[in-house]
Amino acid sequence: MKIIFFSISLLALLVSCSDNTKICDCLEAGEKLQSFSVKMFTREASSKDLTEMKRLKKEQTQKCKDFQTMDGKKMLELKEECE
């Protein structure tokens, strides 16, 4: 399960768009989701945790939807500008 959430988060980090603000928002949403996922694996998840996980996943999906088909090289260029 850790691998699944990490993969989803990594995918969010690897997608991109021409608008730098949007890619930075996407990356931030992916980092939040990944961070929360890691916390869930250190303890038993409550229904509140699962609700929060779904909310973060929905937010990440929404913010990253425009970047799903972007070339990896272009994504890395835009990602550098966010750091």
PDB file of N, CA and C in Angstrom:
ATOM      1  N   MET A   1       0.824  -1.188   0.000  1.00  0.00           N
ATOM      2  CA  MET A   1       0.000   0.000   0.000  1.00  0.00           C
ATOM      3  C   MET A   1       0.874   1.260   0.000  1.00  0.00           C
ATOM      4  N   LYS A   2       2.001   1.198   0.736  1.00  0.00           N
ATOM      5  CA  LYS A   2       2.924   2.330   0.741  1.00  0.00           C
ATOM      6  C   LYS A   2       3.393   2.626  -0.674  1.00  0.00           C
ATOM      7  N   ILE A   3       3.682   1.577  -1.408  1.00  0.00           N
ATOM      8  CA  ILE A   3       4.183   1.743  -2.771  1.00  0.00           C
ATOM      9  C   ILE A   3       3.146   2.414  -3.648  1.00  0.00           C
ATOM     10  N   ILE A   4       1.887   2.056  -3.475  1.00  0.00           N
ATOM     11  CA  ILE A   4       0.812   2.651  -4.281  1.00  0.00           C
ATOM     12  C   ILE A   4       0.725   4.143  -4.020  1.00  0.00           C
ATOM     13  N   PHE A   5       0.679   4.539  -2.747  1.00  0.00           N
ATOM     14  CA  PHE A   5       0.571   5.956  -2.431  1.00  0.00           C
ATOM     15  C   PHE A   5       1.819   6.718  -2.837  1.00  0.00           C
ATOM     16  N   PHE A   6       2.971   6.114  -2.651  1.00  0.00           N
ATOM     17  CA  PHE A   6       4.210   6.762  -3.072  1.00  0.00           C
ATOM     18  C   PHE A   6       4.222   6.947  -4.585  1.00  0.00           C
ATOM     19  N   SER A   7       3.758   5.928  -5.314  1.00  0.00           N
ATOM     20  CA  SER A   7       3.723   6.010  -6.777  1.00  0.00           C
ATOM     21  C   SER A   7       2.788   7.110  -7.243  1.00  0.00           C
ATOM     22  N   ILE A   8       1.635   7.203  -6.597  1.00  0.00           N
ATOM     23  CA  ILE A   8       0.670   8.250  -6.952  1.00  0.00           C
ATOM     24  C   ILE A   8       1.276   9.622  -6.689  1.00  0.00           C
ATOM     25  N   SER A   9       1.914   9.751  -5.545  1.00  0.00           N
ATOM     26  CA  SER A   9       2.539  11.026  -5.210  1.00  0.00           C
ATOM     27  C   SER A   9       3.676  11.358  -6.162  1.00  0.00           C
ATOM     28  N   LEU A  10       4.465  10.349  -6.486  1.00  0.00           N
ATOM     29  CA  LEU A  10       5.570  10.561  -7.416  1.00  0.00           C
ATOM     30  C   LEU A  10       5.036  10.970  -8.787  1.00  0.00           C
ATOM     31  N   LEU A  11       3.956  10.351  -9.215  1.00  0.00           N
ATOM     32  CA  LEU A  11       3.343  10.725 -10.490  1.00  0.00           C
ATOM     33  C   LEU A  11       2.935  12.188 -10.469  1.00  0.00           C
ATOM     34  N   ALA A  12       2.388  12.617  -9.347  1.00  0.00           N
ATOM     35  CA  ALA A  12       2.008  14.022  -9.226  1.00  0.00           C
ATOM     36  C   ALA A  12       3.214  14.927  -9.378  1.00  0.00           C
ATOM     37  N   LEU A  13       4.346  14.486  -8.871  1.00  0.00           N
ATOM     38  CA  LEU A  13       5.561  15.287  -8.978  1.00  0.00           C
ATOM     39  C   LEU A  13       6.138  15.273 -10.390  1.00  0.00           C
ATOM     40  N   LEU A  14       5.808  14.251 -11.142  1.00  0.00           N
ATOM     41  CA  LEU A  14       6.387  14.104 -12.471  1.00  0.00           C
ATOM     42  C   LEU A  14       5.544  14.697 -13.584  1.00  0.00           C
ATOM     43  N   VAL A  15       4.369  15.192 -13.252  1.00  0.00           N
ATOM     44  CA  VAL A  15       3.519  15.778 -14.268  1.00  0.00           C
ATOM     45  C   VAL A  15       3.698  17.283 -14.269  1.00  0.00           C
ATOM     46  N   SER A  16       3.327  17.928 -15.370  1.00  0.00           N
ATOM     47  CA  SER A  16       3.603  19.349 -15.462  1.00  0.00           C
ATOM     48  C   SER A  16       2.660  20.075 -16.401  1.00  0.00           C
ATOM     49  N   CYS A  17       2.870  21.392 -16.539  1.00  0.00           N
ATOM     50  CA  CYS A  17       2.050  22.247 -17.392  1.00  0.00           C
ATOM     51  C   CYS A  17       2.828  23.507 -17.727  1.00  0.00           C
ATOM     52  N   SER A  18       2.270  24.307 -18.632  1.00  0.00           N
ATOM     53  CA  SER A  18       2.978  25.509 -19.037  1.00  0.00           C
ATOM     54  C   SER A  18       2.858  26.631 -18.015  1.00  0.00           C
ATOM     55  N   ASP A  19       1.883  26.597 -17.157  1.00  0.00           N
ATOM     56  CA  ASP A  19       1.715  27.635 -16.137  1.00  0.00           C
ATOM     57  C   ASP A  19       2.473  27.228 -14.881  1.00  0.00           C
ATOM     58  N   ASN A  20       3.526  27.972 -14.559  1.00  0.00           N
ATOM     59  CA  ASN A  20       4.395  27.614 -13.445  1.00  0.00           C
ATOM     60  C   ASN A  20       3.675  27.592 -12.107  1.00  0.00           C
ATOM     61  N   THR A  21       2.756  28.509 -11.890  1.00  0.00           N
ATOM     62  CA  THR A  21       2.011  28.522 -10.635  1.00  0.00           C
ATOM     63  C   THR A  21       1.220  27.239 -10.480  1.00  0.00           C
ATOM     64  N   LYS A  22       0.619  26.777 -11.553  1.00  0.00           N
ATOM     65  CA  LYS A  22      -0.175  25.558 -11.488  1.00  0.00           C
ATOM     66  C   LYS A  22       0.693  24.330 -11.211  1.00  0.00           C
ATOM     67  N   ILE A  23       1.855  24.261 -11.828  1.00  0.00           N
ATOM     68  CA  ILE A  23       2.716  23.105 -11.580  1.00  0.00           C
ATOM     69  C   ILE A  23       3.210  23.126 -10.145  1.00  0.00           C
ATOM     70  N   CYS A  24       3.499  24.280  -9.615  1.00  0.00           N
ATOM     71  CA  CYS A  24       3.934  24.367  -8.220  1.00  0.00           C
ATOM     72  C   CYS A  24       2.803  23.952  -7.275  1.00  0.00           C
ATOM     73  N   ASP A  25       1.576  24.339  -7.592  1.00  0.00           N
ATOM     74  CA  ASP A  25       0.419  23.920  -6.798  1.00  0.00           C
ATOM     75  C   ASP A  25       0.240  22.409  -6.866  1.00  0.00           C
ATOM     76  N   CYS A  26       0.447  21.849  -8.047  1.00  0.00           N
ATOM     77  CA  CYS A  26       0.353  20.406  -8.237  1.00  0.00           C
ATOM     78  C   CYS A  26       1.406  19.691  -7.393  1.00  0.00           C
ATOM     79  N   LEU A  27       2.625  20.165  -7.449  1.00  0.00           N
ATOM     80  CA  LEU A  27       3.709  19.551  -6.687  1.00  0.00           C
ATOM     81  C   LEU A  27       3.447  19.639  -5.189  1.00  0.00           C
ATOM     82  N   GLU A  28       2.954  20.777  -4.751  1.00  0.00           N
ATOM     83  CA  GLU A  28       2.653  20.959  -3.330  1.00  0.00           C
ATOM     84  C   GLU A  28       1.546  19.999  -2.881  1.00  0.00           C
ATOM     85  N   ALA A  29       0.515  19.862  -3.704  1.00  0.00           N
ATOM     86  CA  ALA A  29      -0.574  18.940  -3.377  1.00  0.00           C
ATOM     87  C   ALA A  29      -0.063  17.501  -3.309  1.00  0.00           C
ATOM     88  N   GLY A  30       0.825  17.134  -4.215  1.00  0.00           N
ATOM     89  CA  GLY A  30       1.417  15.799  -4.204  1.00  0.00           C
ATOM     90  C   GLY A  30       2.256  15.552  -2.963  1.00  0.00           C
ATOM     91  N   GLU A  31       3.000  16.576  -2.546  1.00  0.00           N
ATOM     92  CA  GLU A  31       3.819  16.452  -1.338  1.00  0.00           C
ATOM     93  C   GLU A  31       2.951  16.305  -0.089  1.00  0.00           C
ATOM     94  N   LYS A  32       1.844  17.048  -0.039  1.00  0.00           N
ATOM     95  CA  LYS A  32       0.926  16.932   1.097  1.00  0.00           C
ATOM     96  C   LYS A  32       0.340  15.527   1.172  1.00  0.00           C
ATOM     97  N   LEU A  33      -0.073  15.017   0.019  1.00  0.00           N
ATOM     98  CA  LEU A  33      -0.647  13.675  -0.031  1.00  0.00           C
ATOM     99  C   LEU A  33       0.388  12.640   0.403  1.00  0.00           C
ATOM    100  N   GLN A  34       1.587  12.758  -0.082  1.00  0.00           N
ATOM    101  CA  GLN A  34       2.638  11.810   0.276  1.00  0.00           C
ATOM    102  C   GLN A  34       2.947  11.882   1.770  1.00  0.00           C
ATOM    103  N   SER A  35       3.070  13.067   2.302  1.00  0.00           N
ATOM    104  CA  SER A  35       3.371  13.251   3.716  1.00  0.00           C
ATOM    105  C   SER A  35       2.284  12.635   4.592  1.00  0.00           C
ATOM    106  N   PHE A  36       1.037  12.874   4.227  1.00  0.00           N
ATOM    107  CA  PHE A  36      -0.077  12.310   4.994  1.00  0.00           C
ATOM    108  C   PHE A  36      -0.090  10.796   4.876  1.00  0.00           C
ATOM    109  N   SER A  37       0.204  10.276   3.698  1.00  0.00           N
ATOM    110  CA  SER A  37       0.248   8.828   3.484  1.00  0.00           C
ATOM    111  C   SER A  37       1.277   8.173   4.385  1.00  0.00           C
ATOM    112  N   VAL A  38       2.435   8.781   4.502  1.00  0.00           N
ATOM    113  CA  VAL A  38       3.494   8.247   5.352  1.00  0.00           C
ATOM    114  C   VAL A  38       3.035   8.205   6.810  1.00  0.00           C
ATOM    115  N   LYS A  39       2.367   9.257   7.256  1.00  0.00           N
ATOM    116  CA  LYS A  39       1.864   9.294   8.632  1.00  0.00           C
ATOM    117  C   LYS A  39       0.852   8.182   8.889  1.00  0.00           C
ATOM    118  N   MET A  40       0.042   7.882   7.886  1.00  0.00           N
ATOM    119  CA  MET A  40      -0.984   6.850   8.062  1.00  0.00           C
ATOM    120  C   MET A  40      -0.366   5.471   8.251  1.00  0.00           C
ATOM    121  N   PHE A  41       0.809   5.249   7.712  1.00  0.00           N
ATOM    122  CA  PHE A  41       1.442   3.941   7.827  1.00  0.00           C
ATOM    123  C   PHE A  41       2.156   3.745   9.164  1.00  0.00           C
ATOM    124  N   THR A  42       2.279   4.816   9.938  1.00  0.00           N
ATOM    125  CA  THR A  42       2.923   4.694  11.235  1.00  0.00           C
ATOM    126  C   THR A  42       1.918   4.422  12.350  1.00  0.00           C
ATOM    127  N   ARG A  43       0.644   4.487  12.017  1.00  0.00           N
ATOM    128  CA  ARG A  43      -0.398   4.217  13.004  1.00  0.00           C
ATOM    129  C   ARG A  43      -1.632   3.674  12.288  1.00  0.00           C
ATOM    130  N   GLU A  44      -2.579   3.203  13.068  1.00  0.00           N
ATOM    131  CA  GLU A  44      -3.807   2.680  12.478  1.00  0.00           C
ATOM    132  C   GLU A  44      -4.662   3.852  11.989  1.00  0.00           C
ATOM    133  N   ALA A  45      -5.148   3.755  10.770  1.00  0.00           N
ATOM    134  CA  ALA A  45      -5.929   4.834  10.165  1.00  0.00           C
ATOM    135  C   ALA A  45      -7.356   4.828  10.704  1.00  0.00           C
ATOM    136  N   SER A  46      -7.817   5.999  11.089  1.00  0.00           N
ATOM    137  CA  SER A  46      -9.199   6.159  11.536  1.00  0.00           C
ATOM    138  C   SER A  46     -10.063   6.560  10.349  1.00  0.00           C
ATOM    139  N   SER A  47     -11.359   6.611  10.561  1.00  0.00           N
ATOM    140  CA  SER A  47     -12.249   7.043   9.479  1.00  0.00           C
ATOM    141  C   SER A  47     -11.970   8.504   9.118  1.00  0.00           C
ATOM    142  N   LYS A  48     -11.564   9.294  10.102  1.00  0.00           N
ATOM    143  CA  LYS A  48     -11.195  10.690   9.842  1.00  0.00           C
ATOM    144  C   LYS A  48      -9.964  10.745   8.935  1.00  0.00           C
ATOM    145  N   ASP A  49      -8.992   9.867   9.206  1.00  0.00           N
ATOM    146  CA  ASP A  49      -7.789   9.804   8.374  1.00  0.00           C
ATOM    147  C   ASP A  49      -8.143   9.429   6.942  1.00  0.00           C
ATOM    148  N   LEU A  50      -9.020   8.457   6.778  1.00  0.00           N
ATOM    149  CA  LEU A  50      -9.406   8.025   5.434  1.00  0.00           C
ATOM    150  C   LEU A  50     -10.125   9.136   4.682  1.00  0.00           C
ATOM    151  N   THR A  51     -10.947   9.890   5.399  1.00  0.00           N
ATOM    152  CA  THR A  51     -11.640  11.024   4.784  1.00  0.00           C
ATOM    153  C   THR A  51     -10.640  12.079   4.334  1.00  0.00           C
ATOM    154  N   GLU A  52      -9.659  12.348   5.186  1.00  0.00           N
ATOM    155  CA  GLU A  52      -8.621  13.329   4.838  1.00  0.00           C
ATOM    156  C   GLU A  52      -7.798  12.844   3.653  1.00  0.00           C
ATOM    157  N   MET A  53      -7.484  11.560   3.615  1.00  0.00           N
ATOM    158  CA  MET A  53      -6.729  10.994   2.501  1.00  0.00           C
ATOM    159  C   MET A  53      -7.496  11.174   1.189  1.00  0.00           C
ATOM    160  N   LYS A  54      -8.793  10.900   1.217  1.00  0.00           N
ATOM    161  CA  LYS A  54      -9.620  11.074   0.019  1.00  0.00           C
ATOM    162  C   LYS A  54      -9.656  12.538  -0.407  1.00  0.00           C
ATOM    163  N   ARG A  55      -9.734  13.451   0.559  1.00  0.00           N
ATOM    164  CA  ARG A  55      -9.771  14.873   0.237  1.00  0.00           C
ATOM    165  C   ARG A  55      -8.455  15.310  -0.405  1.00  0.00           C
ATOM    166  N   LEU A  56      -7.348  14.879   0.184  1.00  0.00           N
ATOM    167  CA  LEU A  56      -6.041  15.239  -0.371  1.00  0.00           C
ATOM    168  C   LEU A  56      -5.840  14.646  -1.763  1.00  0.00           C
ATOM    169  N   LYS A  57      -6.293  13.422  -1.968  1.00  0.00           N
ATOM    170  CA  LYS A  57      -6.169  12.773  -3.278  1.00  0.00           C
ATOM    171  C   LYS A  57      -7.003  13.524  -4.314  1.00  0.00           C
ATOM    172  N   LYS A  58      -8.211  13.918  -3.928  1.00  0.00           N
ATOM    173  CA  LYS A  58      -9.079  14.670  -4.840  1.00  0.00           C
ATOM    174  C   LYS A  58      -8.438  16.017  -5.193  1.00  0.00           C
ATOM    175  N   GLU A  59      -7.889  16.684  -4.193  1.00  0.00           N
ATOM    176  CA  GLU A  59      -7.215  17.972  -4.418  1.00  0.00           C
ATOM    177  C   GLU A  59      -6.025  17.801  -5.358  1.00  0.00           C
ATOM    178  N   GLN A  60      -5.224  16.771  -5.113  1.00  0.00           N
ATOM    179  CA  GLN A  60      -4.054  16.509  -5.949  1.00  0.00           C
ATOM    180  C   GLN A  60      -4.475  16.188  -7.382  1.00  0.00           C
ATOM    181  N   THR A  61      -5.486  15.374  -7.536  1.00  0.00           N
ATOM    182  CA  THR A  61      -5.975  15.007  -8.866  1.00  0.00           C
ATOM    183  C   THR A  61      -6.458  16.238  -9.617  1.00  0.00           C
ATOM    184  N   GLN A  62      -7.207  17.098  -8.921  1.00  0.00           N
ATOM    185  CA  GLN A  62      -7.738  18.310  -9.549  1.00  0.00           C
ATOM    186  C   GLN A  62      -6.611  19.263  -9.966  1.00  0.00           C
ATOM    187  N   LYS A  63      -5.652  19.459  -9.101  1.00  0.00           N
ATOM    188  CA  LYS A  63      -4.571  20.405  -9.400  1.00  0.00           C
ATOM    189  C   LYS A  63      -3.603  19.878 -10.447  1.00  0.00           C
ATOM    190  N   CYS A  64      -3.529  18.568 -10.618  1.00  0.00           N
ATOM    191  CA  CYS A  64      -2.564  17.973 -11.547  1.00  0.00           C
ATOM    192  C   CYS A  64      -3.186  17.480 -12.849  1.00  0.00           C
ATOM    193  N   LYS A  65      -4.473  17.639 -13.014  1.00  0.00           N
ATOM    194  CA  LYS A  65      -5.139  17.071 -14.190  1.00  0.00           C
ATOM    195  C   LYS A  65      -4.587  17.608 -15.511  1.00  0.00           C
ATOM    196  N   ASP A  66      -4.137  18.840 -15.538  1.00  0.00           N
ATOM    197  CA  ASP A  66      -3.629  19.429 -16.778  1.00  0.00           C
ATOM    198  C   ASP A  66      -2.219  18.962 -17.129  1.00  0.00           C
ATOM    199  N   PHE A  67      -1.572  18.239 -16.221  1.00  0.00           N
ATOM    200  CA  PHE A  67      -0.183  17.869 -16.406  1.00  0.00           C
ATOM    201  C   PHE A  67       0.028  16.397 -16.741  1.00  0.00           C
ATOM    202  N   GLN A  68      -1.022  15.648 -16.843  1.00  0.00           N
ATOM    203  CA  GLN A  68      -0.927  14.199 -17.010  1.00  0.00           C
ATOM    204  C   GLN A  68      -0.188  13.771 -18.278  1.00  0.00           C
ATOM    205  N   THR A  69      -0.238  14.566 -19.322  1.00  0.00           N
ATOM    206  CA  THR A  69       0.357  14.162 -20.601  1.00  0.00           C
ATOM    207  C   THR A  69       1.627  14.930 -20.953  1.00  0.00           C
ATOM    208  N   MET A  70       2.130  15.718 -20.029  1.00  0.00           N
ATOM    209  CA  MET A  70       3.310  16.531 -20.332  1.00  0.00           C
ATOM    210  C   MET A  70       4.573  15.682 -20.405  1.00  0.00           C
ATOM    211  N   ASP A  71       5.441  16.054 -21.303  1.00  0.00           N
ATOM    212  CA  ASP A  71       6.752  15.427 -21.476  1.00  0.00           C
ATOM    213  C   ASP A  71       7.558  15.543 -20.180  1.00  0.00           C
ATOM    214  N   GLY A  72       8.234  14.471 -19.809  1.00  0.00           N
ATOM    215  CA  GLY A  72       9.009  14.438 -18.571  1.00  0.00           C
ATOM    216  C   GLY A  72      10.106  15.485 -18.507  1.00  0.00           C
ATOM    217  N   LYS A  73      10.760  15.735 -19.637  1.00  0.00           N
ATOM    218  CA  LYS A  73      11.828  16.730 -19.679  1.00  0.00           C
ATOM    219  C   LYS A  73      11.278  18.126 -19.383  1.00  0.00           C
ATOM    220  N   LYS A  74      10.154  18.453 -19.993  1.00  0.00           N
ATOM    221  CA  LYS A  74       9.521  19.751 -19.763  1.00  0.00           C
ATOM    222  C   LYS A  74       9.084  19.883 -18.309  1.00  0.00           C
ATOM    223  N   MET A  75       8.539  18.788 -17.759  1.00  0.00           N
ATOM    224  CA  MET A  75       8.101  18.790 -16.378  1.00  0.00           C
ATOM    225  C   MET A  75       9.269  19.082 -15.439  1.00  0.00           C
ATOM    226  N   LEU A  76      10.403  18.455 -15.667  1.00  0.00           N
ATOM    227  CA  LEU A  76      11.568  18.677 -14.813  1.00  0.00           C
ATOM    228  C   LEU A  76      12.048  20.124 -14.880  1.00  0.00           C
ATOM    229  N   GLU A  77      11.981  20.728 -16.059  1.00  0.00           N
ATOM    230  CA  GLU A  77      12.361  22.137 -16.212  1.00  0.00           C
ATOM    231  C   GLU A  77      11.453  23.030 -15.374  1.00  0.00           C
ATOM    232  N   LEU A  78      10.146  22.789 -15.458  1.00  0.00           N
ATOM    233  CA  LEU A  78       9.193  23.602 -14.695  1.00  0.00           C
ATOM    234  C   LEU A  78       9.297  23.328 -13.197  1.00  0.00           C
ATOM    235  N   LYS A  79       9.572  22.103 -12.838  1.00  0.00           N
ATOM    236  CA  LYS A  79       9.705  21.741 -11.426  1.00  0.00           C
ATOM    237  C   LYS A  79      10.861  22.508 -10.778  1.00  0.00           C
ATOM    238  N   GLU A  80      11.960  22.658 -11.504  1.00  0.00           N
ATOM    239  CA  GLU A  80      13.125  23.381 -10.983  1.00  0.00           C
ATOM    240  C   GLU A  80      12.776  24.817 -10.616  1.00  0.00           C
ATOM    241  N   GLU A  81      11.869  25.430 -11.361  1.00  0.00           N
ATOM    242  CA  GLU A  81      11.479  26.807 -11.095  1.00  0.00           C
ATOM    243  C   GLU A  81      10.645  26.944  -9.832  1.00  0.00           C
ATOM    244  N   CYS A  82      10.077  25.838  -9.351  1.00  0.00           N
ATOM    245  CA  CYS A  82       9.269  25.872  -8.127  1.00  0.00           C
ATOM    246  C   CYS A  82      10.125  25.803  -6.879  1.00  0.00           C
ATOM    247  N   GLU A  83      11.322  25.293  -6.999  1.00  0.00           N
ATOM    248  CA  GLU A  83      12.159  25.056  -5.817  1.00  0.00           C
ATOM    249  C   GLU A  83      12.901  26.277  -5.369  1.00  0.00           C
TER     250      GLU A  83
END
